[in-house]
């Protein structure tokens, strides 16, 4: 990435600030974190979701519709929240680019700023950019927190739903108490890989943005 920047034509990089280039090259670290093996571990865990669901179908039959419905609702909500998180990440990256560019420009022209006693004006300008960046970062944090909170809510909803519908099945003699306990345990085990997958989905939004930033460098 650095070689690309050093060998690029000046008319191709002149419209991009130094701070923005530094920010884009820093995206390499985000790619490294995503490719470090966490994604592969989550994919392997998600395979067991199918295995657990098959066991629930074998043990409880129609009761498997309940965890399937909860997981479907959780998946749809995760997709919606992932799109919202992506928009927040793009907005934050744009605000950070503006802030880094302004900071580099001020450092490059620090002698002129001091000579004309413009410190306060440029400080106010940077404070405005910092304020915008903080608000965008808050939006990202809030979107991420809402995503993980949804995982906790659906985990509890899974338990309540399985117990509620499973109790009716037991009372009707269609399932034993031991079978209900087995379904409850397997349903809980299903949610753990799915919640890890949600964490991967959150990281994936950041990964997509980092990849776009690096494509800007390599192009």
N, C-alpha and C. Protein backbone atom coordinates (compact mmCIF):
# COMPACT_ATOMS: atom_id res chain seq x y z
N UNK A 1 0.83 -1.21 0.00
CA UNK A 1 0.00 0.00 0.00
C UNK A 1 0.87 1.26 0.00
N UNK A 2 1.92 1.24 0.81
CA UNK A 2 2.82 2.40 0.86
C UNK A 2 3.55 2.56 -0.47
N UNK A 3 3.99 1.45 -1.08
CA UNK A 3 4.64 1.53 -2.38
C UNK A 3 3.72 2.12 -3.44
N UNK A 4 2.43 1.76 -3.39
CA UNK A 4 1.46 2.31 -4.33
C UNK A 4 1.37 3.83 -4.20
N UNK A 5 1.33 4.30 -2.95
CA UNK A 5 1.23 5.74 -2.71
C UNK A 5 2.49 6.45 -3.19
N UNK A 6 3.67 5.87 -2.91
CA UNK A 6 4.93 6.51 -3.29
C UNK A 6 5.13 6.54 -4.80
N UNK A 7 4.58 5.54 -5.51
CA UNK A 7 4.78 5.46 -6.95
C UNK A 7 3.61 6.04 -7.75
N UNK A 8 2.61 6.57 -7.06
CA UNK A 8 1.42 7.09 -7.75
C UNK A 8 1.72 8.40 -8.46
N UNK A 9 0.93 8.69 -9.49
CA UNK A 9 1.04 9.98 -10.18
C UNK A 9 0.50 11.08 -9.28
N UNK A 10 1.14 12.22 -9.32
CA UNK A 10 0.75 13.32 -8.43
C UNK A 10 -0.66 13.82 -8.73
N UNK A 11 -1.05 13.82 -10.02
CA UNK A 11 -2.39 14.28 -10.33
C UNK A 11 -3.46 13.30 -9.86
N UNK A 12 -3.04 12.09 -9.50
CA UNK A 12 -4.00 11.11 -9.00
C UNK A 12 -4.19 11.16 -7.50
N UNK A 13 -3.23 11.73 -6.80
CA UNK A 13 -3.31 11.77 -5.34
C UNK A 13 -3.45 13.19 -4.80
N UNK A 14 -3.42 14.17 -5.68
CA UNK A 14 -3.43 15.55 -5.22
C UNK A 14 -4.71 15.96 -4.53
N UNK A 15 -5.84 15.34 -4.91
CA UNK A 15 -7.12 15.71 -4.32
C UNK A 15 -7.39 15.02 -2.99
N UNK A 16 -6.51 14.14 -2.59
CA UNK A 16 -6.69 13.40 -1.34
C UNK A 16 -5.70 13.91 -0.30
N UNK A 17 -6.21 14.23 0.89
CA UNK A 17 -5.36 14.76 1.94
C UNK A 17 -4.43 13.70 2.52
N UNK A 18 -3.35 14.18 3.13
CA UNK A 18 -2.38 13.27 3.75
C UNK A 18 -3.04 12.47 4.87
N UNK A 19 -3.86 13.16 5.68
CA UNK A 19 -4.53 12.46 6.78
C UNK A 19 -5.44 11.36 6.30
N UNK A 20 -6.10 11.59 5.17
CA UNK A 20 -6.99 10.57 4.62
C UNK A 20 -6.19 9.35 4.15
N UNK A 21 -5.01 9.59 3.56
CA UNK A 21 -4.16 8.47 3.16
C UNK A 21 -3.70 7.66 4.38
N UNK A 22 -3.31 8.36 5.43
CA UNK A 22 -2.90 7.67 6.65
C UNK A 22 -4.04 6.83 7.21
N UNK A 23 -5.24 7.38 7.15
CA UNK A 23 -6.41 6.68 7.66
C UNK A 23 -6.71 5.45 6.82
N UNK A 24 -6.55 5.57 5.51
CA UNK A 24 -6.83 4.44 4.62
C UNK A 24 -5.82 3.32 4.83
N UNK A 25 -4.55 3.68 4.96
CA UNK A 25 -3.53 2.65 5.15
C UNK A 25 -3.71 1.95 6.50
N UNK A 26 -4.23 2.68 7.49
CA UNK A 26 -4.50 2.05 8.80
C UNK A 26 -5.57 0.97 8.70
N UNK A 27 -6.35 0.96 7.60
CA UNK A 27 -7.38 -0.06 7.42
C UNK A 27 -6.79 -1.45 7.25
N UNK A 28 -5.49 -1.54 6.95
CA UNK A 28 -4.83 -2.86 6.83
C UNK A 28 -5.00 -3.65 8.13
N UNK A 29 -4.93 -2.96 9.25
CA UNK A 29 -5.04 -3.63 10.55
C UNK A 29 -6.41 -4.27 10.73
N UNK A 30 -7.46 -3.60 10.22
CA UNK A 30 -8.81 -4.16 10.34
C UNK A 30 -8.95 -5.43 9.51
N UNK A 31 -8.33 -5.43 8.33
CA UNK A 31 -8.36 -6.64 7.50
C UNK A 31 -7.63 -7.78 8.18
N UNK A 32 -6.51 -7.45 8.80
CA UNK A 32 -5.73 -8.48 9.50
C UNK A 32 -6.55 -9.12 10.60
N UNK A 33 -7.27 -8.29 11.38
CA UNK A 33 -8.08 -8.81 12.47
C UNK A 33 -9.19 -9.73 11.96
N UNK A 34 -9.76 -9.37 10.81
CA UNK A 34 -10.87 -10.18 10.29
C UNK A 34 -10.38 -11.51 9.75
N UNK A 35 -9.19 -11.50 9.13
CA UNK A 35 -8.65 -12.72 8.53
C UNK A 35 -7.82 -13.56 9.51
N UNK A 36 -7.78 -13.17 10.77
CA UNK A 36 -6.87 -13.82 11.72
C UNK A 36 -7.33 -15.20 12.17
N UNK A 37 -8.49 -15.66 11.74
CA UNK A 37 -8.95 -16.98 12.12
C UNK A 37 -10.27 -16.98 12.86
N UNK A 38 -10.70 -15.82 13.35
CA UNK A 38 -11.97 -15.74 14.09
C UNK A 38 -13.14 -16.12 13.19
N UNK A 39 -13.11 -15.68 11.94
CA UNK A 39 -14.21 -15.97 11.02
C UNK A 39 -14.34 -17.47 10.79
N UNK A 40 -13.21 -18.17 10.61
CA UNK A 40 -13.25 -19.61 10.38
C UNK A 40 -13.84 -20.34 11.58
N UNK A 41 -13.47 -19.91 12.78
CA UNK A 41 -14.01 -20.53 14.00
C UNK A 41 -15.52 -20.36 14.08
N UNK A 42 -16.00 -19.17 13.72
CA UNK A 42 -17.45 -18.92 13.77
C UNK A 42 -18.17 -19.76 12.73
N UNK A 43 -17.59 -19.90 11.54
CA UNK A 43 -18.22 -20.72 10.50
C UNK A 43 -18.36 -22.18 10.97
N UNK A 44 -17.34 -22.69 11.63
CA UNK A 44 -17.40 -24.07 12.14
C UNK A 44 -18.47 -24.20 13.21
N UNK A 45 -18.57 -23.19 14.09
CA UNK A 45 -19.61 -23.22 15.12
C UNK A 45 -21.01 -23.19 14.51
N UNK A 46 -21.18 -22.42 13.44
CA UNK A 46 -22.50 -22.31 12.82
C UNK A 46 -22.95 -23.62 12.19
N UNK A 47 -22.00 -24.47 11.81
CA UNK A 47 -22.37 -25.78 11.27
C UNK A 47 -23.12 -26.59 12.32
N UNK A 48 -22.74 -26.43 13.58
CA UNK A 48 -23.38 -27.18 14.64
C UNK A 48 -24.82 -26.73 14.87
N UNK A 49 -25.18 -25.52 14.44
CA UNK A 49 -26.57 -25.08 14.57
C UNK A 49 -27.49 -26.02 13.80
N UNK A 50 -27.08 -26.42 12.60
CA UNK A 50 -27.87 -27.36 11.80
C UNK A 50 -27.97 -28.70 12.50
N UNK A 51 -26.87 -29.14 13.11
CA UNK A 51 -26.86 -30.42 13.83
C UNK A 51 -27.80 -30.37 15.04
N UNK A 52 -27.74 -29.28 15.81
CA UNK A 52 -28.61 -29.14 16.98
C UNK A 52 -30.08 -29.10 16.56
N UNK A 53 -30.36 -28.39 15.47
CA UNK A 53 -31.74 -28.29 15.00
C UNK A 53 -32.27 -29.65 14.55
N UNK A 54 -31.41 -30.43 13.90
CA UNK A 54 -31.82 -31.77 13.48
C UNK A 54 -32.15 -32.64 14.69
N UNK A 55 -31.37 -32.50 15.76
CA UNK A 55 -31.67 -33.26 16.99
C UNK A 55 -33.01 -32.84 17.60
N UNK A 56 -33.29 -31.53 17.55
CA UNK A 56 -34.57 -31.05 18.08
C UNK A 56 -35.74 -31.63 17.28
N UNK A 57 -35.58 -31.66 15.95
CA UNK A 57 -36.63 -32.24 15.10
C UNK A 57 -36.81 -33.71 15.43
N UNK A 58 -35.72 -34.43 15.66
CA UNK A 58 -35.79 -35.86 15.98
C UNK A 58 -36.47 -36.10 17.33
N UNK A 59 -36.18 -35.24 18.31
CA UNK A 59 -36.71 -35.45 19.66
C UNK A 59 -38.14 -34.96 19.78
N UNK A 60 -38.40 -33.74 19.27
CA UNK A 60 -39.68 -33.08 19.57
C UNK A 60 -40.57 -32.87 18.37
N UNK A 61 -40.12 -33.17 17.17
CA UNK A 61 -40.98 -33.05 16.00
C UNK A 61 -41.41 -31.62 15.72
N UNK A 62 -42.72 -31.37 15.81
CA UNK A 62 -43.27 -30.06 15.46
C UNK A 62 -42.79 -28.93 16.37
N UNK A 63 -42.34 -29.24 17.56
CA UNK A 63 -41.86 -28.21 18.48
C UNK A 63 -40.64 -27.48 17.91
N UNK A 64 -39.97 -28.10 16.94
CA UNK A 64 -38.80 -27.46 16.32
C UNK A 64 -39.17 -26.17 15.59
N UNK A 65 -40.47 -25.99 15.31
CA UNK A 65 -40.90 -24.76 14.64
C UNK A 65 -40.62 -23.54 15.52
N UNK A 66 -40.71 -23.72 16.85
CA UNK A 66 -40.54 -22.59 17.78
C UNK A 66 -39.12 -22.02 17.71
N UNK A 67 -38.06 -22.82 17.95
CA UNK A 67 -36.70 -22.24 17.82
C UNK A 67 -36.40 -21.76 16.40
N UNK A 68 -36.98 -22.43 15.40
CA UNK A 68 -36.76 -21.99 14.02
C UNK A 68 -37.34 -20.60 13.80
N UNK A 69 -38.53 -20.34 14.36
CA UNK A 69 -39.17 -19.03 14.22
C UNK A 69 -38.37 -17.95 14.94
N UNK A 70 -37.87 -18.27 16.14
CA UNK A 70 -37.09 -17.30 16.90
C UNK A 70 -35.80 -16.96 16.16
N UNK A 71 -35.12 -17.99 15.64
CA UNK A 71 -33.87 -17.75 14.89
C UNK A 71 -34.12 -16.95 13.62
N UNK A 72 -35.24 -17.21 12.96
CA UNK A 72 -35.57 -16.46 11.74
C UNK A 72 -35.79 -14.98 12.05
N UNK A 73 -36.54 -14.72 13.13
CA UNK A 73 -36.75 -13.33 13.55
C UNK A 73 -35.45 -12.65 13.92
N UNK A 74 -34.58 -13.37 14.60
CA UNK A 74 -33.28 -12.84 15.00
C UNK A 74 -32.42 -12.54 13.77
N UNK A 75 -32.48 -13.42 12.77
CA UNK A 75 -31.70 -13.24 11.55
C UNK A 75 -32.17 -12.00 10.78
N UNK A 76 -33.48 -11.83 10.66
CA UNK A 76 -34.03 -10.68 9.93
C UNK A 76 -33.66 -9.37 10.63
N UNK A 77 -33.79 -9.36 11.96
CA UNK A 77 -33.44 -8.15 12.72
C UNK A 77 -31.95 -7.85 12.60
N UNK A 78 -31.11 -8.89 12.58
CA UNK A 78 -29.67 -8.69 12.47
C UNK A 78 -29.30 -8.08 11.12
N UNK A 79 -29.97 -8.52 10.06
CA UNK A 79 -29.72 -7.94 8.74
C UNK A 79 -30.07 -6.45 8.73
N UNK A 80 -31.20 -6.11 9.32
CA UNK A 80 -31.62 -4.71 9.37
C UNK A 80 -30.64 -3.87 10.16
N UNK A 81 -30.25 -4.38 11.32
CA UNK A 81 -29.31 -3.63 12.16
C UNK A 81 -27.92 -3.56 11.54
N UNK A 82 -27.55 -4.58 10.77
CA UNK A 82 -26.27 -4.56 10.09
C UNK A 82 -26.20 -3.45 9.04
N UNK A 83 -27.31 -3.24 8.33
CA UNK A 83 -27.35 -2.16 7.35
C UNK A 83 -27.24 -0.80 8.04
N UNK A 84 -27.90 -0.67 9.17
CA UNK A 84 -27.82 0.59 9.93
C UNK A 84 -26.40 0.82 10.44
N UNK A 85 -25.76 -0.25 10.91
CA UNK A 85 -24.39 -0.13 11.40
C UNK A 85 -23.45 0.27 10.27
N UNK A 86 -23.64 -0.28 9.09
CA UNK A 86 -22.78 0.05 7.95
C UNK A 86 -22.88 1.54 7.62
N UNK A 87 -24.10 2.07 7.61
CA UNK A 87 -24.28 3.51 7.32
C UNK A 87 -23.57 4.35 8.38
N UNK A 88 -23.68 3.94 9.65
CA UNK A 88 -23.02 4.69 10.72
C UNK A 88 -21.50 4.64 10.58
N UNK A 89 -20.97 3.48 10.16
CA UNK A 89 -19.53 3.34 9.98
C UNK A 89 -19.02 4.22 8.85
N UNK A 90 -19.76 4.26 7.75
CA UNK A 90 -19.35 5.11 6.62
C UNK A 90 -19.37 6.59 7.02
N UNK A 91 -20.40 6.98 7.77
CA UNK A 91 -20.48 8.38 8.22
C UNK A 91 -19.32 8.72 9.15
N UNK A 92 -18.96 7.78 10.05
CA UNK A 92 -17.85 8.02 10.98
C UNK A 92 -16.53 8.12 10.24
N UNK A 93 -16.32 7.25 9.25
CA UNK A 93 -15.06 7.28 8.51
C UNK A 93 -14.91 8.59 7.74
N UNK A 94 -16.02 9.09 7.17
CA UNK A 94 -15.97 10.37 6.47
C UNK A 94 -15.62 11.51 7.40
N UNK A 95 -16.21 11.51 8.60
CA UNK A 95 -15.91 12.55 9.58
C UNK A 95 -14.46 12.46 10.06
N UNK A 96 -13.97 11.23 10.23
CA UNK A 96 -12.57 11.06 10.67
C UNK A 96 -11.59 11.51 9.58
N UNK A 97 -11.93 11.24 8.32
CA UNK A 97 -11.06 11.70 7.22
C UNK A 97 -10.93 13.22 7.23
N UNK A 98 -12.06 13.91 7.39
CA UNK A 98 -12.04 15.38 7.43
C UNK A 98 -11.20 15.87 8.61
N UNK A 99 -11.34 15.20 9.74
CA UNK A 99 -10.61 15.63 10.94
C UNK A 99 -9.11 15.40 10.78
N UNK A 100 -8.72 14.24 10.25
CA UNK A 100 -7.30 13.96 10.06
C UNK A 100 -6.67 14.91 9.04
N UNK A 101 -7.41 15.18 7.96
CA UNK A 101 -6.88 16.10 6.95
C UNK A 101 -6.66 17.49 7.53
N UNK A 102 -7.63 17.97 8.31
CA UNK A 102 -7.49 19.29 8.91
C UNK A 102 -6.30 19.33 9.88
N UNK A 103 -6.12 18.25 10.62
CA UNK A 103 -5.03 18.20 11.59
C UNK A 103 -3.67 18.24 10.89
N UNK A 104 -3.52 17.44 9.82
CA UNK A 104 -2.27 17.41 9.08
C UNK A 104 -1.99 18.77 8.43
N UNK A 105 -3.04 19.38 7.88
CA UNK A 105 -2.86 20.69 7.24
C UNK A 105 -2.41 21.73 8.26
N UNK A 106 -2.99 21.69 9.46
CA UNK A 106 -2.59 22.66 10.49
C UNK A 106 -1.14 22.44 10.93
N UNK A 107 -0.75 21.18 11.04
CA UNK A 107 0.64 20.90 11.44
C UNK A 107 1.62 21.31 10.35
N UNK A 108 1.22 21.11 9.09
CA UNK A 108 2.11 21.51 8.00
C UNK A 108 2.27 23.03 7.93
N UNK A 109 1.19 23.75 8.24
CA UNK A 109 1.25 25.21 8.17
C UNK A 109 1.33 25.88 9.52
N UNK A 110 1.92 25.18 10.51
CA UNK A 110 1.93 25.70 11.88
C UNK A 110 2.68 27.02 11.98
N UNK A 111 3.73 27.21 11.18
CA UNK A 111 4.50 28.46 11.26
C UNK A 111 3.66 29.65 10.78
N UNK A 112 2.90 29.44 9.70
CA UNK A 112 2.03 30.51 9.22
C UNK A 112 0.91 30.81 10.21
N UNK A 113 0.37 29.76 10.81
CA UNK A 113 -0.70 29.95 11.80
C UNK A 113 -0.18 30.78 12.98
N UNK A 114 1.01 30.45 13.44
CA UNK A 114 1.59 31.20 14.57
C UNK A 114 1.93 32.64 14.17
N UNK A 115 2.43 32.80 12.93
CA UNK A 115 2.84 34.13 12.48
C UNK A 115 1.66 35.09 12.40
N UNK A 116 0.50 34.56 11.98
CA UNK A 116 -0.69 35.42 11.84
C UNK A 116 -1.63 35.32 13.04
N UNK A 117 -1.18 34.66 14.12
CA UNK A 117 -1.96 34.55 15.36
C UNK A 117 -3.36 33.98 15.08
N UNK A 118 -3.40 32.87 14.33
CA UNK A 118 -4.68 32.25 13.96
C UNK A 118 -4.98 30.99 14.78
N UNK A 119 -4.28 30.87 15.93
CA UNK A 119 -4.44 29.64 16.70
C UNK A 119 -5.89 29.40 17.13
N UNK A 120 -6.55 30.45 17.61
CA UNK A 120 -7.91 30.29 18.12
C UNK A 120 -8.88 29.92 17.01
N UNK A 121 -8.73 30.55 15.84
CA UNK A 121 -9.64 30.24 14.74
C UNK A 121 -9.51 28.79 14.31
N UNK A 122 -8.26 28.33 14.19
CA UNK A 122 -8.06 26.95 13.78
C UNK A 122 -8.45 25.97 14.89
N UNK A 123 -8.31 26.39 16.14
CA UNK A 123 -8.77 25.55 17.24
C UNK A 123 -10.28 25.37 17.19
N UNK A 124 -11.01 26.48 16.92
CA UNK A 124 -12.47 26.38 16.79
C UNK A 124 -12.85 25.47 15.63
N UNK A 125 -12.10 25.59 14.53
CA UNK A 125 -12.38 24.75 13.36
C UNK A 125 -12.18 23.27 13.70
N UNK A 126 -11.09 22.97 14.40
CA UNK A 126 -10.83 21.57 14.76
C UNK A 126 -11.85 21.06 15.77
N UNK A 127 -12.27 21.93 16.70
CA UNK A 127 -13.28 21.52 17.68
C UNK A 127 -14.59 21.12 17.00
N UNK A 128 -14.95 21.87 15.95
CA UNK A 128 -16.17 21.53 15.22
C UNK A 128 -16.04 20.16 14.55
N UNK A 129 -14.88 19.90 13.95
CA UNK A 129 -14.65 18.60 13.31
C UNK A 129 -14.61 17.48 14.35
N UNK A 130 -14.01 17.77 15.50
CA UNK A 130 -13.94 16.77 16.57
C UNK A 130 -15.34 16.47 17.10
N UNK A 131 -16.16 17.50 17.22
CA UNK A 131 -17.54 17.32 17.69
C UNK A 131 -18.33 16.44 16.73
N UNK A 132 -18.16 16.70 15.44
CA UNK A 132 -18.85 15.89 14.44
C UNK A 132 -18.37 14.43 14.50
N UNK A 133 -17.06 14.25 14.65
CA UNK A 133 -16.51 12.90 14.72
C UNK A 133 -17.02 12.16 15.96
N UNK A 134 -17.11 12.86 17.08
CA UNK A 134 -17.61 12.23 18.31
C UNK A 134 -19.06 11.79 18.16
N UNK A 135 -19.88 12.62 17.53
CA UNK A 135 -21.28 12.25 17.33
C UNK A 135 -21.41 11.02 16.42
N UNK A 136 -20.60 10.98 15.36
CA UNK A 136 -20.64 9.81 14.47
C UNK A 136 -20.15 8.56 15.18
N UNK A 137 -19.13 8.71 16.02
CA UNK A 137 -18.63 7.57 16.79
C UNK A 137 -19.67 7.08 17.79
N UNK A 138 -20.42 8.02 18.36
CA UNK A 138 -21.51 7.64 19.27
C UNK A 138 -22.58 6.83 18.54
N UNK A 139 -22.90 7.25 17.30
CA UNK A 139 -23.89 6.52 16.50
C UNK A 139 -23.43 5.08 16.23
N UNK A 140 -22.13 4.92 15.94
CA UNK A 140 -21.59 3.58 15.70
C UNK A 140 -21.67 2.74 16.97
N UNK A 141 -21.28 3.33 18.09
CA UNK A 141 -21.33 2.60 19.37
C UNK A 141 -22.74 2.19 19.72
N UNK A 142 -23.68 3.10 19.49
CA UNK A 142 -25.08 2.81 19.81
C UNK A 142 -25.62 1.70 18.90
N UNK A 143 -25.29 1.75 17.61
CA UNK A 143 -25.75 0.71 16.69
C UNK A 143 -25.16 -0.65 17.05
N UNK A 144 -23.88 -0.67 17.43
CA UNK A 144 -23.24 -1.92 17.84
C UNK A 144 -23.86 -2.48 19.12
N UNK A 145 -24.11 -1.60 20.09
CA UNK A 145 -24.72 -2.03 21.35
C UNK A 145 -26.12 -2.58 21.12
N UNK A 146 -26.90 -1.92 20.26
CA UNK A 146 -28.26 -2.40 19.97
C UNK A 146 -28.23 -3.78 19.33
N UNK A 147 -27.21 -4.02 18.50
CA UNK A 147 -27.10 -5.32 17.84
C UNK A 147 -26.84 -6.43 18.86
N UNK A 148 -25.91 -6.19 19.79
CA UNK A 148 -25.61 -7.21 20.79
C UNK A 148 -26.72 -7.35 21.82
N UNK A 149 -27.41 -6.25 22.13
CA UNK A 149 -28.54 -6.33 23.05
C UNK A 149 -29.66 -7.18 22.46
N UNK A 150 -29.84 -7.07 21.16
CA UNK A 150 -30.86 -7.90 20.49
C UNK A 150 -30.53 -9.38 20.64
N UNK A 151 -29.24 -9.71 20.60
CA UNK A 151 -28.84 -11.11 20.79
C UNK A 151 -29.23 -11.63 22.16
N UNK A 152 -29.03 -10.83 23.20
CA UNK A 152 -29.39 -11.23 24.56
C UNK A 152 -30.90 -11.38 24.70
N UNK A 153 -31.64 -10.45 24.09
CA UNK A 153 -33.10 -10.50 24.17
C UNK A 153 -33.63 -11.77 23.50
N UNK A 154 -33.12 -12.09 22.33
CA UNK A 154 -33.60 -13.27 21.61
C UNK A 154 -33.16 -14.56 22.29
N UNK A 155 -32.04 -14.55 22.99
CA UNK A 155 -31.63 -15.74 23.75
C UNK A 155 -32.64 -16.03 24.86
N UNK A 156 -33.07 -15.00 25.57
CA UNK A 156 -34.10 -15.18 26.60
C UNK A 156 -35.45 -15.52 25.98
N UNK A 157 -35.75 -14.91 24.83
CA UNK A 157 -37.01 -15.20 24.15
C UNK A 157 -37.06 -16.66 23.71
N UNK A 158 -35.91 -17.19 23.30
CA UNK A 158 -35.84 -18.59 22.89
C UNK A 158 -36.23 -19.51 24.05
N UNK A 159 -35.71 -19.24 25.25
CA UNK A 159 -36.01 -20.07 26.42
C UNK A 159 -37.49 -20.00 26.76
N UNK A 160 -38.03 -18.76 26.80
CA UNK A 160 -39.44 -18.58 27.16
C UNK A 160 -40.35 -19.27 26.15
N UNK A 161 -40.05 -19.11 24.87
CA UNK A 161 -40.90 -19.68 23.83
C UNK A 161 -40.87 -21.21 23.87
N UNK A 162 -39.69 -21.79 24.03
CA UNK A 162 -39.58 -23.25 24.05
C UNK A 162 -40.31 -23.82 25.27
N UNK A 163 -40.13 -23.18 26.44
CA UNK A 163 -40.80 -23.67 27.65
C UNK A 163 -42.31 -23.53 27.51
N UNK A 164 -42.77 -22.40 26.98
CA UNK A 164 -44.21 -22.15 26.87
C UNK A 164 -44.89 -23.16 25.95
N UNK A 165 -44.38 -23.31 24.74
CA UNK A 165 -45.00 -24.24 23.80
C UNK A 165 -44.68 -25.69 24.14
N UNK A 166 -43.47 -25.91 24.72
CA UNK A 166 -43.12 -27.27 25.10
C UNK A 166 -43.95 -27.80 26.24
N UNK A 167 -44.32 -26.91 27.17
CA UNK A 167 -45.15 -27.34 28.31
C UNK A 167 -46.51 -27.83 27.81
N UNK A 168 -47.07 -27.14 26.83
CA UNK A 168 -48.36 -27.58 26.27
C UNK A 168 -48.21 -28.96 25.61
N UNK A 169 -47.10 -29.15 24.92
CA UNK A 169 -46.85 -30.44 24.27
C UNK A 169 -46.71 -31.56 25.29
N UNK A 170 -46.04 -31.26 26.41
CA UNK A 170 -45.88 -32.26 27.47
C UNK A 170 -47.23 -32.60 28.11
N UNK A 171 -48.05 -31.57 28.37
CA UNK A 171 -49.36 -31.79 28.99
C UNK A 171 -50.27 -32.60 28.08
N UNK A 172 -50.10 -32.46 26.78
CA UNK A 172 -50.91 -33.23 25.83
C UNK A 172 -50.37 -34.64 25.60
N UNK A 173 -49.24 -34.96 26.27
CA UNK A 173 -48.68 -36.29 26.16
C UNK A 173 -47.90 -36.54 24.88
N UNK A 174 -47.57 -35.49 24.15
CA UNK A 174 -46.84 -35.65 22.90
C UNK A 174 -45.33 -35.62 23.09
N UNK A 175 -44.90 -35.24 24.31
CA UNK A 175 -43.47 -35.14 24.59
C UNK A 175 -43.25 -35.38 26.07
N UNK A 176 -42.14 -36.02 26.41
CA UNK A 176 -41.82 -36.26 27.81
C UNK A 176 -41.12 -35.03 28.41
N UNK A 177 -41.07 -35.00 29.73
CA UNK A 177 -40.36 -33.90 30.40
C UNK A 177 -38.88 -33.91 30.04
N UNK A 178 -38.31 -35.09 29.97
CA UNK A 178 -36.90 -35.21 29.59
C UNK A 178 -36.66 -34.69 28.18
N UNK A 179 -37.61 -34.97 27.29
CA UNK A 179 -37.50 -34.46 25.93
C UNK A 179 -37.54 -32.95 25.88
N UNK A 180 -38.41 -32.36 26.72
CA UNK A 180 -38.50 -30.90 26.78
C UNK A 180 -37.20 -30.30 27.30
N UNK A 181 -36.62 -30.92 28.30
CA UNK A 181 -35.34 -30.43 28.84
C UNK A 181 -34.25 -30.52 27.77
N UNK A 182 -34.24 -31.62 27.01
CA UNK A 182 -33.25 -31.77 25.94
C UNK A 182 -33.42 -30.68 24.88
N UNK A 183 -34.67 -30.41 24.50
CA UNK A 183 -34.94 -29.37 23.51
C UNK A 183 -34.50 -28.01 24.03
N UNK A 184 -34.76 -27.77 25.32
CA UNK A 184 -34.38 -26.49 25.92
C UNK A 184 -32.86 -26.31 25.90
N UNK A 185 -32.12 -27.36 26.25
CA UNK A 185 -30.66 -27.29 26.24
C UNK A 185 -30.12 -27.10 24.82
N UNK A 186 -30.68 -27.83 23.88
CA UNK A 186 -30.21 -27.72 22.50
C UNK A 186 -30.54 -26.35 21.91
N UNK A 187 -31.69 -25.79 22.29
CA UNK A 187 -32.06 -24.45 21.80
C UNK A 187 -31.08 -23.41 22.32
N UNK A 188 -30.71 -23.55 23.59
CA UNK A 188 -29.72 -22.63 24.15
C UNK A 188 -28.38 -22.76 23.47
N UNK A 189 -28.00 -24.00 23.13
CA UNK A 189 -26.73 -24.21 22.43
C UNK A 189 -26.77 -23.63 21.02
N UNK A 190 -27.95 -23.62 20.42
CA UNK A 190 -28.09 -23.05 19.09
C UNK A 190 -27.83 -21.55 19.09
N UNK A 191 -28.24 -20.87 20.16
CA UNK A 191 -28.12 -19.42 20.20
C UNK A 191 -26.68 -18.96 20.34
N UNK A 192 -25.83 -19.77 20.99
CA UNK A 192 -24.44 -19.34 21.20
C UNK A 192 -23.68 -19.16 19.89
N UNK A 193 -23.69 -20.13 18.96
CA UNK A 193 -23.02 -19.89 17.68
C UNK A 193 -23.66 -18.76 16.88
N UNK A 194 -24.99 -18.63 17.00
CA UNK A 194 -25.67 -17.56 16.27
C UNK A 194 -25.24 -16.19 16.79
N UNK A 195 -25.07 -16.07 18.11
CA UNK A 195 -24.61 -14.81 18.68
C UNK A 195 -23.17 -14.51 18.25
N UNK A 196 -22.34 -15.56 18.16
CA UNK A 196 -20.99 -15.36 17.63
C UNK A 196 -21.05 -14.91 16.17
N UNK A 197 -21.99 -15.51 15.43
CA UNK A 197 -22.16 -15.09 14.05
C UNK A 197 -22.60 -13.64 13.95
N UNK A 198 -23.38 -13.19 14.92
CA UNK A 198 -23.78 -11.78 14.96
C UNK A 198 -22.56 -10.89 15.18
N UNK A 199 -21.65 -11.32 16.07
CA UNK A 199 -20.42 -10.57 16.28
C UNK A 199 -19.59 -10.52 15.01
N UNK A 200 -19.56 -11.64 14.26
CA UNK A 200 -18.84 -11.67 12.98
C UNK A 200 -19.50 -10.74 11.97
N UNK A 201 -20.83 -10.71 11.97
CA UNK A 201 -21.57 -9.83 11.06
C UNK A 201 -21.24 -8.36 11.35
N UNK A 202 -21.09 -8.03 12.63
CA UNK A 202 -20.73 -6.67 13.01
C UNK A 202 -19.32 -6.35 12.53
N UNK A 203 -18.39 -7.27 12.73
CA UNK A 203 -17.02 -7.06 12.24
C UNK A 203 -16.97 -6.97 10.72
N UNK A 204 -17.87 -7.72 10.07
CA UNK A 204 -17.86 -7.75 8.62
C UNK A 204 -18.20 -6.38 8.03
N UNK A 205 -19.08 -5.63 8.70
CA UNK A 205 -19.41 -4.29 8.22
C UNK A 205 -18.16 -3.40 8.25
N UNK A 206 -17.39 -3.51 9.33
CA UNK A 206 -16.14 -2.75 9.43
C UNK A 206 -15.13 -3.24 8.39
N UNK A 207 -15.12 -4.55 8.15
CA UNK A 207 -14.22 -5.13 7.15
C UNK A 207 -14.53 -4.61 5.75
N UNK A 208 -15.81 -4.52 5.39
CA UNK A 208 -16.19 -4.03 4.08
C UNK A 208 -15.71 -2.60 3.87
N UNK A 209 -15.87 -1.79 4.91
CA UNK A 209 -15.44 -0.40 4.83
C UNK A 209 -13.92 -0.31 4.68
N UNK A 210 -13.20 -1.13 5.45
CA UNK A 210 -11.73 -1.12 5.38
C UNK A 210 -11.27 -1.57 3.99
N UNK A 211 -11.96 -2.53 3.40
CA UNK A 211 -11.59 -3.01 2.07
C UNK A 211 -11.80 -1.92 1.01
N UNK A 212 -12.88 -1.16 1.16
CA UNK A 212 -13.14 -0.06 0.23
C UNK A 212 -12.05 1.00 0.35
N UNK A 213 -11.64 1.28 1.59
CA UNK A 213 -10.58 2.28 1.81
C UNK A 213 -9.28 1.84 1.17
N UNK A 214 -8.93 0.57 1.31
CA UNK A 214 -7.68 0.09 0.72
C UNK A 214 -7.76 0.02 -0.81
N UNK A 215 -8.95 -0.25 -1.33
CA UNK A 215 -9.10 -0.23 -2.78
C UNK A 215 -8.82 1.16 -3.34
N UNK A 216 -9.17 2.19 -2.55
CA UNK A 216 -8.85 3.55 -2.95
C UNK A 216 -7.36 3.79 -3.04
N UNK A 217 -6.59 3.13 -2.15
CA UNK A 217 -5.14 3.26 -2.20
C UNK A 217 -4.55 2.49 -3.37
N UNK A 218 -5.01 1.26 -3.57
CA UNK A 218 -4.43 0.41 -4.61
C UNK A 218 -4.88 0.80 -6.02
N UNK A 219 -5.93 1.60 -6.12
CA UNK A 219 -6.37 2.04 -7.45
C UNK A 219 -5.60 3.28 -7.91
